[in-house]
Amino acid sequence: MVLKNTGMAGTLESSDIMVVIEPKKHTGIEIILESPVERQFGDQIRKVILDTLDELGVKSAVVRAKDRGALDCVIKARTQAAVFRAAGSKDYNWGAIKR
């Protein structure tokens, strides 16, 4: 999936995560994570974001994530929504996305 502009999903409420994704000129994923539990769960949060981007075919992006204790399923859902918004896609084929 090709990102055309900036996409955002989520809130800064407890147990949620705000994900902002932008196109990047060069191939590669850059994740900027802010979380009160980064020392304990930062690697897992990054893994969920990277796995979700891989499933959606995103090869280059800058991801800014502000976590407030979100579960993996919430991180995945917010990342998916931000990608679809950044790509300008309204063709949500949820059945094709791995759960």
N, C-alpha and C. Protein backbone atom coordinates (compact mmCIF):
# COMPACT_ATOMS: atom_id res chain seq x y z
N MET A 1 0.85 -1.17 0.00
CA MET A 1 0.00 0.00 0.00
C MET A 1 0.90 1.24 0.00
N VAL A 2 0.57 2.20 -0.82
CA VAL A 2 1.36 3.43 -0.94
C VAL A 2 0.70 4.54 -0.13
N LEU A 3 1.49 5.15 0.74
CA LEU A 3 0.99 6.25 1.56
C LEU A 3 1.08 7.55 0.76
N LYS A 4 -0.02 8.30 0.73
CA LYS A 4 -0.07 9.55 -0.03
C LYS A 4 0.05 10.79 0.85
N ASN A 5 -0.41 10.67 2.09
CA ASN A 5 -0.37 11.80 3.01
C ASN A 5 -0.29 11.28 4.44
N THR A 6 -0.53 12.12 5.39
CA THR A 6 -0.49 11.73 6.80
C THR A 6 -1.83 11.15 7.22
N GLY A 7 -1.78 10.04 7.96
CA GLY A 7 -2.99 9.43 8.50
C GLY A 7 -2.86 9.28 10.00
N MET A 8 -3.97 9.41 10.71
CA MET A 8 -3.95 9.33 12.17
C MET A 8 -5.13 8.51 12.66
N ALA A 9 -4.91 7.79 13.75
CA ALA A 9 -5.98 7.03 14.38
C ALA A 9 -5.67 6.90 15.86
N GLY A 10 -6.71 6.86 16.67
CA GLY A 10 -6.55 6.66 18.10
C GLY A 10 -6.70 7.94 18.91
N THR A 11 -6.56 7.77 20.22
CA THR A 11 -6.69 8.89 21.15
C THR A 11 -5.56 8.81 22.17
N LEU A 12 -5.53 9.77 23.05
CA LEU A 12 -4.57 9.76 24.14
C LEU A 12 -5.21 9.33 25.46
N GLU A 13 -6.36 8.68 25.34
CA GLU A 13 -7.05 8.16 26.52
C GLU A 13 -6.31 6.94 27.06
N SER A 14 -6.56 6.62 28.31
CA SER A 14 -5.97 5.44 28.92
C SER A 14 -6.37 4.19 28.14
N SER A 15 -5.45 3.26 28.00
CA SER A 15 -5.64 1.99 27.29
C SER A 15 -5.79 2.16 25.78
N ASP A 16 -5.34 3.27 25.23
CA ASP A 16 -5.41 3.51 23.80
C ASP A 16 -4.02 3.91 23.30
N ILE A 17 -3.91 4.11 22.01
CA ILE A 17 -2.67 4.56 21.40
C ILE A 17 -3.02 5.48 20.24
N MET A 18 -2.29 6.55 20.09
CA MET A 18 -2.47 7.42 18.94
C MET A 18 -1.35 7.11 17.96
N VAL A 19 -1.74 6.74 16.75
CA VAL A 19 -0.77 6.41 15.70
C VAL A 19 -0.88 7.43 14.58
N VAL A 20 0.24 8.07 14.27
CA VAL A 20 0.32 9.01 13.15
C VAL A 20 1.34 8.43 12.18
N ILE A 21 0.94 8.25 10.92
CA ILE A 21 1.83 7.66 9.93
C ILE A 21 1.97 8.60 8.75
N GLU A 22 3.20 8.76 8.28
CA GLU A 22 3.50 9.66 7.16
C GLU A 22 4.33 8.92 6.12
N PRO A 23 4.21 9.33 4.86
CA PRO A 23 5.08 8.75 3.84
C PRO A 23 6.54 9.12 4.11
N LYS A 24 7.43 8.26 3.68
CA LYS A 24 8.87 8.50 3.83
C LYS A 24 9.49 8.36 2.44
N LYS A 25 10.42 9.24 2.11
CA LYS A 25 11.00 9.25 0.77
C LYS A 25 11.82 8.00 0.47
N HIS A 26 12.52 7.50 1.48
CA HIS A 26 13.37 6.33 1.27
C HIS A 26 12.73 5.10 1.88
N THR A 27 13.06 3.94 1.35
CA THR A 27 12.52 2.69 1.86
C THR A 27 12.95 2.48 3.30
N GLY A 28 12.04 1.98 4.09
CA GLY A 28 12.31 1.69 5.49
C GLY A 28 11.23 2.25 6.39
N ILE A 29 11.13 1.64 7.54
CA ILE A 29 10.14 2.06 8.53
C ILE A 29 10.87 2.68 9.71
N GLU A 30 10.43 3.86 10.11
CA GLU A 30 10.98 4.53 11.29
C GLU A 30 9.84 4.67 12.30
N ILE A 31 10.06 4.16 13.50
CA ILE A 31 9.04 4.24 14.55
C ILE A 31 9.55 5.11 15.69
N ILE A 32 8.77 6.13 16.01
CA ILE A 32 9.07 7.00 17.14
C ILE A 32 7.98 6.72 18.18
N LEU A 33 8.38 6.06 19.25
CA LEU A 33 7.43 5.60 20.26
C LEU A 33 7.57 6.39 21.55
N GLU A 34 6.42 6.79 22.08
CA GLU A 34 6.35 7.46 23.37
C GLU A 34 5.38 6.66 24.23
N SER A 35 5.85 6.13 25.34
CA SER A 35 5.00 5.30 26.18
C SER A 35 5.52 5.26 27.60
N PRO A 36 4.62 5.32 28.58
CA PRO A 36 5.08 5.20 29.97
C PRO A 36 5.57 3.78 30.29
N VAL A 37 5.24 2.81 29.44
CA VAL A 37 5.65 1.42 29.65
C VAL A 37 6.65 0.96 28.57
N GLU A 38 7.35 1.92 27.99
CA GLU A 38 8.27 1.59 26.89
C GLU A 38 9.37 0.62 27.32
N ARG A 39 9.89 0.77 28.51
CA ARG A 39 10.96 -0.11 28.96
C ARG A 39 10.49 -1.56 29.05
N GLN A 40 9.25 -1.77 29.47
CA GLN A 40 8.73 -3.13 29.60
C GLN A 40 8.17 -3.67 28.29
N PHE A 41 7.45 -2.83 27.52
CA PHE A 41 6.70 -3.32 26.37
C PHE A 41 7.04 -2.66 25.05
N GLY A 42 8.05 -1.80 25.03
CA GLY A 42 8.41 -1.08 23.81
C GLY A 42 8.71 -1.99 22.63
N ASP A 43 9.47 -3.07 22.87
CA ASP A 43 9.80 -3.99 21.77
C ASP A 43 8.54 -4.65 21.20
N GLN A 44 7.61 -5.03 22.07
CA GLN A 44 6.37 -5.66 21.61
C GLN A 44 5.49 -4.68 20.86
N ILE A 45 5.41 -3.45 21.32
CA ILE A 45 4.62 -2.43 20.62
C ILE A 45 5.18 -2.21 19.22
N ARG A 46 6.49 -2.08 19.12
CA ARG A 46 7.14 -1.90 17.80
C ARG A 46 6.89 -3.11 16.89
N LYS A 47 6.96 -4.31 17.47
CA LYS A 47 6.74 -5.53 16.68
C LYS A 47 5.32 -5.56 16.10
N VAL A 48 4.33 -5.21 16.91
CA VAL A 48 2.94 -5.21 16.43
C VAL A 48 2.78 -4.19 15.30
N ILE A 49 3.36 -3.02 15.46
CA ILE A 49 3.28 -2.00 14.41
C ILE A 49 3.96 -2.48 13.14
N LEU A 50 5.18 -3.01 13.27
CA LEU A 50 5.92 -3.49 12.09
C LEU A 50 5.21 -4.65 11.40
N ASP A 51 4.69 -5.60 12.17
CA ASP A 51 3.97 -6.73 11.58
C ASP A 51 2.72 -6.27 10.83
N THR A 52 2.02 -5.30 11.40
CA THR A 52 0.81 -4.77 10.76
C THR A 52 1.16 -4.05 9.46
N LEU A 53 2.20 -3.24 9.47
CA LEU A 53 2.63 -2.55 8.26
C LEU A 53 3.05 -3.55 7.19
N ASP A 54 3.73 -4.61 7.60
CA ASP A 54 4.15 -5.65 6.66
C ASP A 54 2.94 -6.33 6.03
N GLU A 55 1.94 -6.67 6.83
CA GLU A 55 0.71 -7.30 6.33
C GLU A 55 0.00 -6.42 5.30
N LEU A 56 0.10 -5.10 5.48
CA LEU A 56 -0.56 -4.16 4.58
C LEU A 56 0.32 -3.76 3.40
N GLY A 57 1.55 -4.25 3.38
CA GLY A 57 2.44 -3.97 2.25
C GLY A 57 3.08 -2.59 2.29
N VAL A 58 3.18 -2.00 3.47
CA VAL A 58 3.81 -0.69 3.61
C VAL A 58 5.31 -0.89 3.74
N LYS A 59 6.06 -0.32 2.81
CA LYS A 59 7.52 -0.51 2.78
C LYS A 59 8.29 0.68 3.31
N SER A 60 7.68 1.86 3.30
CA SER A 60 8.38 3.05 3.80
C SER A 60 7.38 3.97 4.49
N ALA A 61 7.73 4.36 5.72
CA ALA A 61 6.85 5.22 6.50
C ALA A 61 7.57 5.70 7.75
N VAL A 62 7.08 6.83 8.25
CA VAL A 62 7.48 7.31 9.58
C VAL A 62 6.24 7.16 10.45
N VAL A 63 6.38 6.44 11.55
CA VAL A 63 5.26 6.19 12.46
C VAL A 63 5.57 6.85 13.79
N ARG A 64 4.65 7.70 14.23
CA ARG A 64 4.75 8.30 15.57
C ARG A 64 3.62 7.71 16.40
N ALA A 65 4.00 7.02 17.46
CA ALA A 65 3.00 6.35 18.30
C ALA A 65 3.11 6.86 19.73
N LYS A 66 1.98 7.31 20.26
CA LYS A 66 1.91 7.74 21.66
C LYS A 66 0.99 6.76 22.38
N ASP A 67 1.60 5.87 23.10
CA ASP A 67 0.88 4.77 23.76
C ASP A 67 0.46 5.16 25.16
N ARG A 68 -0.72 4.69 25.55
CA ARG A 68 -1.22 4.90 26.91
C ARG A 68 -1.67 3.56 27.49
N GLY A 69 -0.92 2.50 27.16
CA GLY A 69 -1.23 1.19 27.73
C GLY A 69 -2.16 0.35 26.87
N ALA A 70 -2.10 0.52 25.56
CA ALA A 70 -2.98 -0.21 24.65
C ALA A 70 -2.59 -1.68 24.53
N LEU A 71 -3.58 -2.53 24.38
CA LEU A 71 -3.35 -3.94 24.11
C LEU A 71 -2.92 -4.11 22.65
N ASP A 72 -2.35 -5.27 22.33
CA ASP A 72 -1.87 -5.53 20.97
C ASP A 72 -2.97 -5.36 19.92
N CYS A 73 -4.19 -5.83 20.22
CA CYS A 73 -5.27 -5.73 19.25
C CYS A 73 -5.64 -4.28 18.96
N VAL A 74 -5.51 -3.42 19.95
CA VAL A 74 -5.79 -1.99 19.77
C VAL A 74 -4.68 -1.35 18.94
N ILE A 75 -3.43 -1.71 19.23
CA ILE A 75 -2.30 -1.18 18.47
C ILE A 75 -2.45 -1.55 17.00
N LYS A 76 -2.81 -2.80 16.73
CA LYS A 76 -2.99 -3.26 15.35
C LYS A 76 -4.13 -2.51 14.66
N ALA A 77 -5.26 -2.37 15.33
CA ALA A 77 -6.41 -1.69 14.74
C ALA A 77 -6.11 -0.23 14.44
N ARG A 78 -5.46 0.45 15.36
CA ARG A 78 -5.12 1.86 15.14
C ARG A 78 -4.12 2.02 14.01
N THR A 79 -3.15 1.10 13.92
CA THR A 79 -2.17 1.16 12.84
C THR A 79 -2.85 0.93 11.50
N GLN A 80 -3.73 -0.06 11.43
CA GLN A 80 -4.47 -0.32 10.18
C GLN A 80 -5.27 0.91 9.75
N ALA A 81 -6.00 1.50 10.68
CA ALA A 81 -6.83 2.67 10.35
C ALA A 81 -5.97 3.83 9.87
N ALA A 82 -4.84 4.07 10.53
CA ALA A 82 -3.95 5.17 10.12
C ALA A 82 -3.39 4.93 8.72
N VAL A 83 -3.04 3.69 8.41
CA VAL A 83 -2.51 3.35 7.07
C VAL A 83 -3.57 3.59 6.01
N PHE A 84 -4.79 3.09 6.23
CA PHE A 84 -5.86 3.29 5.24
C PHE A 84 -6.13 4.77 5.02
N ARG A 85 -6.11 5.55 6.09
CA ARG A 85 -6.33 7.00 5.96
C ARG A 85 -5.19 7.66 5.21
N ALA A 86 -3.95 7.26 5.49
CA ALA A 86 -2.78 7.85 4.82
C ALA A 86 -2.73 7.47 3.34
N ALA A 87 -3.25 6.31 3.01
CA ALA A 87 -3.27 5.86 1.62
C ALA A 87 -4.47 6.41 0.87
N GLY A 88 -5.41 7.01 1.59
CA GLY A 88 -6.61 7.53 0.95
C GLY A 88 -7.51 6.41 0.47
N SER A 89 -7.42 5.25 1.10
CA SER A 89 -8.18 4.07 0.67
C SER A 89 -9.46 3.94 1.47
N LYS A 90 -10.53 3.64 0.77
CA LYS A 90 -11.80 3.34 1.43
C LYS A 90 -12.21 1.91 1.11
N ASP A 91 -11.28 1.16 0.53
CA ASP A 91 -11.51 -0.23 0.16
C ASP A 91 -11.03 -1.13 1.29
N TYR A 92 -11.81 -1.19 2.35
CA TYR A 92 -11.42 -1.96 3.51
C TYR A 92 -11.79 -3.42 3.31
N ASN A 93 -10.82 -4.21 2.93
CA ASN A 93 -11.04 -5.64 2.77
C ASN A 93 -10.56 -6.33 4.04
N TRP A 94 -11.35 -6.22 5.10
CA TRP A 94 -10.93 -6.73 6.40
C TRP A 94 -10.69 -8.23 6.38
N GLY A 95 -11.35 -8.93 5.50
CA GLY A 95 -11.15 -10.38 5.41
C GLY A 95 -9.76 -10.75 4.94
N ALA A 96 -9.10 -9.85 4.19
CA ALA A 96 -7.77 -10.14 3.67
C ALA A 96 -6.68 -9.83 4.70
N ILE A 97 -7.04 -9.16 5.78
CA ILE A 97 -6.06 -8.79 6.79
C ILE A 97 -5.97 -9.91 7.83
N LYS A 98 -4.76 -10.36 8.10
CA LYS A 98 -4.56 -11.41 9.09
C LYS A 98 -4.95 -10.91 10.46
N ARG A 99 -5.55 -11.76 11.23
CA ARG A 99 -5.96 -11.40 12.59
C ARG A 99 -5.08 -12.04 13.60
